Amino acid sequence: MTERIINPPAHCPECGFDAAAVDPGNGEFTVRALGRRYQAPLTRAMPGENLEDILRRRPAPNTWSALEYAGHVRDVIALWGSTLHLALTKERPHIPRPDPDIADRFAADAAYNRQDPGTVSQELTANAERMAAKIATMAPTGWDRIVVIGDEEMSVLAIVRKVAHEGGHHLLDVGRSLRAARAGLA
């Protein structure tokens, strides 16, 4: 098992994420916008299609469905929102490094693919709003506060960038899953 780096990449060649583009001036907006960005793919069907079937269809056995990716993002925002809270309320809190395989187990245990898409969309939006509200009320010095995850330091700015990257990258995955599901029905 390979340990994954917790901090977000400076640049993601797959999704085009640029960490420098997320800063204290737009971090709140970037996180808040995730709810809106996920709403359309989770709630709007093409004419004549069964959206719930499309959202639950996996493009390959080991690739998540669009609904599973959205459920994951909803929970990622909640997890990192809690980590943000710790970083802002405790001095250099230490938390254990998460198991890199936890996301797949959690998706299966929480039955992401059987959840209601509208509810997932609402919860993702609520989690993004809650985290954005916390960012909005943060003191300017809060961006440099640190949480230690395993043996890796992570700033509040890096937490916001992590959520922005995860949200944007998985939106790309949602689109891929939806295109594959729709192509499989043609």
Foldseek 3Di string as FASTA:
>chain_A
DDADDPFDDCADPVLGDHLVVQDLVCLLVLLLCLLVLLVCLLPDDDPPDDSLQLQLDFLDPPAGGLQLLLLLLLVLLQVLLVVLVCLQPDAQAEDEADDPCVSVVVCVVVVSSPDRSVVSSVSSNVSSNSSSVVSVPDDPVQQQGWYQYHNDIDGSSRSSSSSSCSSSVSSVSNVVSSVSSVVVVD
